[in-house]
């Protein structure tokens, strides 16, 4: 498995650290570069890592949707109770 994707990932992490320590305008430019490097590292990552990230994202999204639906049902129950 080629590990070329680690180079832009480490670069993005280093730039993220620089962004936290700096408060100048250069930090904002560096953060844009960090985001681009992070996306580039995800493109270069092997399919096993991409698949694993996809599974994690789908699980988190599903959990958030379930929480949102439960909040909506509670809100509608409270409205129907107030009307009665």
Protein backbone atom coordinates (compact mmCIF):
# COMPACT_ATOMS: atom_id res chain seq x y z
CA UNK A 1 0.00 0.00 0.00
CA UNK A 2 1.62 3.28 -1.06
CA UNK A 3 1.83 5.86 1.67
CA UNK A 4 2.11 8.94 -0.55
CA UNK A 5 -1.08 10.33 0.93
CA UNK A 6 0.68 10.88 4.26
CA UNK A 7 2.83 13.69 2.85
CA UNK A 8 -0.02 16.18 2.24
CA UNK A 9 -1.76 14.96 5.38
CA UNK A 10 1.27 15.74 7.55
CA UNK A 11 1.62 19.06 5.75
CA UNK A 12 -2.01 19.88 6.54
CA UNK A 13 -1.53 18.96 10.20
CA UNK A 14 1.60 21.11 10.46
CA UNK A 15 -0.20 24.05 8.86
CA UNK A 16 -3.12 23.54 11.23
CA UNK A 17 -0.72 23.81 14.15
CA UNK A 18 0.73 26.99 12.63
CA UNK A 19 -2.79 28.40 12.25
CA UNK A 20 -3.51 27.83 15.94
CA UNK A 21 -0.30 29.60 17.01
CA UNK A 22 -0.59 32.60 14.67
CA UNK A 23 -3.12 35.41 14.54
CA UNK A 24 -1.92 37.17 11.39
CA UNK A 25 -3.46 37.22 7.93
CA UNK A 26 -0.96 34.59 6.82
CA UNK A 27 -2.71 32.13 9.11
CA UNK A 28 -5.90 32.38 7.05
CA UNK A 29 -4.00 31.74 3.85
CA UNK A 30 -2.27 28.82 5.53
CA UNK A 31 -5.60 27.38 6.63
CA UNK A 32 -6.85 27.39 3.03
CA UNK A 33 -3.69 25.55 2.02
CA UNK A 34 -4.25 23.07 4.86
CA UNK A 35 -7.78 22.31 3.69
CA UNK A 36 -6.57 21.80 0.12
CA UNK A 37 -3.76 19.53 1.35
CA UNK A 38 -6.19 17.52 3.46
CA UNK A 39 -8.54 17.00 0.50
CA UNK A 40 -5.58 16.07 -1.70
CA UNK A 41 -4.43 13.49 0.86
CA UNK A 42 -7.91 11.96 0.88
CA UNK A 43 -7.81 11.69 -2.91
CA UNK A 44 -4.41 9.98 -2.77
CA UNK A 45 -5.41 7.60 0.04
CA UNK A 46 -5.87 3.92 -0.79
CA UNK A 47 -9.39 2.67 -1.33
CA UNK A 48 -9.42 0.83 2.00
CA UNK A 49 -8.92 4.07 3.91
CA UNK A 50 -11.45 5.91 1.74
CA UNK A 51 -13.96 3.11 2.30
CA UNK A 52 -13.37 3.22 6.05
CA UNK A 53 -13.91 6.98 6.12
CA UNK A 54 -17.08 6.56 4.07
CA UNK A 55 -18.45 4.06 6.59
CA UNK A 56 -17.63 6.40 9.50
CA UNK A 57 -19.28 9.36 7.76
CA UNK A 58 -22.40 7.34 6.99
CA UNK A 59 -22.68 6.14 10.60
CA UNK A 60 -22.30 9.67 11.96
CA UNK A 61 -24.81 11.04 9.46
CA UNK A 62 -27.31 8.34 10.33
CA UNK A 63 -26.94 9.07 14.05
CA UNK A 64 -27.42 12.82 13.50
CA UNK A 65 -30.52 12.20 11.38
CA UNK A 66 -32.02 10.01 14.09
CA UNK A 67 -31.39 12.70 16.72
CA UNK A 68 -32.97 15.33 14.47
CA UNK A 69 -36.04 13.17 13.85
CA UNK A 70 -36.49 12.52 17.57
CA UNK A 71 -36.33 16.26 18.28
CA UNK A 72 -38.93 16.92 15.59
CA UNK A 73 -41.31 14.30 16.96
CA UNK A 74 -40.95 15.72 20.47
CA UNK A 75 -41.71 19.21 19.16
CA UNK A 76 -44.83 18.01 17.33
CA UNK A 77 -46.01 16.13 20.44
CA UNK A 78 -45.64 19.28 22.54
CA UNK A 79 -47.60 21.32 19.99
CA UNK A 80 -50.45 18.81 19.91
CA UNK A 81 -50.56 18.76 23.73
CA UNK A 82 -50.71 22.58 23.84
CA UNK A 83 -53.57 22.64 21.33
CA UNK A 84 -55.65 20.17 23.35
